[in-house]
Protein backbone atom coordinates (compact mmCIF):
# COMPACT_ATOMS: atom_id res chain seq x y z
CA UNK A 1 204.86 120.83 5.89
CA UNK A 2 201.93 124.17 5.26
CA UNK A 3 202.81 127.30 6.61
CA UNK A 4 200.50 130.40 7.21
CA UNK A 5 201.45 133.12 5.93
CA UNK A 6 200.58 136.78 7.29
CA UNK A 7 200.78 139.35 4.89
CA UNK A 8 201.68 142.60 6.90
CA UNK A 9 203.42 144.24 3.80
CA UNK A 10 200.11 147.25 3.78
CA UNK A 11 200.61 147.62 8.22
CA UNK A 12 203.11 149.43 9.98
CA UNK A 13 203.83 149.63 13.55
CA UNK A 14 202.60 149.14 16.17
CA UNK A 15 199.80 147.96 14.13
CA UNK A 16 201.62 145.31 12.48
CA UNK A 17 203.19 144.22 15.99
CA UNK A 18 199.65 143.84 17.19
CA UNK A 19 198.56 141.94 14.17
CA UNK A 20 201.33 139.61 14.43
CA UNK A 21 201.57 139.07 18.46
CA UNK A 22 198.04 137.85 17.77
CA UNK A 23 198.81 135.71 15.06
CA UNK A 24 201.49 133.72 16.50
CA UNK A 25 199.75 133.29 19.91
CA UNK A 26 197.58 130.59 17.83
CA UNK A 27 200.30 128.61 16.87
CA UNK A 28 201.24 125.49 18.32
CA UNK A 29 205.22 124.09 19.06
CA UNK A 30 206.88 123.35 16.19
CA UNK A 31 204.16 124.98 14.00
CA UNK A 32 205.30 127.42 11.20
CA UNK A 33 204.03 130.62 9.91
CA UNK A 34 205.53 132.96 7.10
CA UNK A 35 205.33 136.95 7.95
CA UNK A 36 205.60 139.28 5.13
CA UNK A 37 206.69 143.14 6.65
CA UNK A 38 207.95 146.56 4.88
CA UNK A 39 207.25 148.60 7.48
CA UNK A 40 210.89 149.66 9.22
CA UNK A 41 209.82 149.89 12.41
CA UNK A 42 207.63 146.74 12.02
CA UNK A 43 210.98 145.24 10.20
CA UNK A 44 212.85 145.56 13.91
CA UNK A 45 210.32 145.66 15.98
CA UNK A 46 208.51 141.98 14.72
CA UNK A 47 212.31 139.82 14.79
CA UNK A 48 212.98 140.94 18.48
CA UNK A 49 209.69 140.30 19.78
CA UNK A 50 209.28 136.93 18.77
CA UNK A 51 212.91 136.22 19.53
CA UNK A 52 212.05 137.29 23.23
CA UNK A 53 208.84 135.26 23.25
CA UNK A 54 210.61 131.75 22.77
CA UNK A 55 210.32 131.61 18.38
CA UNK A 56 212.62 130.88 16.48
CA UNK A 57 213.04 132.99 13.09
CA UNK A 58 214.76 132.18 9.94
CA UNK A 59 215.16 135.45 7.09
CA UNK A 60 214.09 134.18 3.93
CA UNK A 61 214.22 137.54 2.13
CA UNK A 62 215.43 140.82 3.13
CA UNK A 63 216.10 144.06 0.89
CA UNK A 64 214.57 147.37 0.29
CA UNK A 65 211.37 146.04 -0.85
CA UNK A 66 210.20 143.41 2.01
CA UNK A 67 211.58 141.25 4.77
CA UNK A 68 210.11 137.56 4.83
CA UNK A 69 210.66 135.58 7.77
CA UNK A 70 209.38 132.22 8.67
CA UNK A 71 208.48 132.08 12.51
CA UNK A 72 208.70 128.35 14.30
CA UNK A 73 206.98 127.98 17.96
CA UNK A 74 209.54 126.73 20.30
CA UNK A 75 209.02 123.59 22.28
């Protein structure tokens, strides 16, 4: 299944969180989006926001350089 990529590695919070919120609003149930972030605040805030709003998160990469997550919109 093809998924959209949202590269937020050049963004810092709160802009990274705002852009992530806007992007996931357009997802339909079951659709996936891959999100990449580097900012310390965004690494915490984006997964927390998504978890609290009915999205499923799968961490692909989590190291000192980048956090890559796959987000699935709930049914």
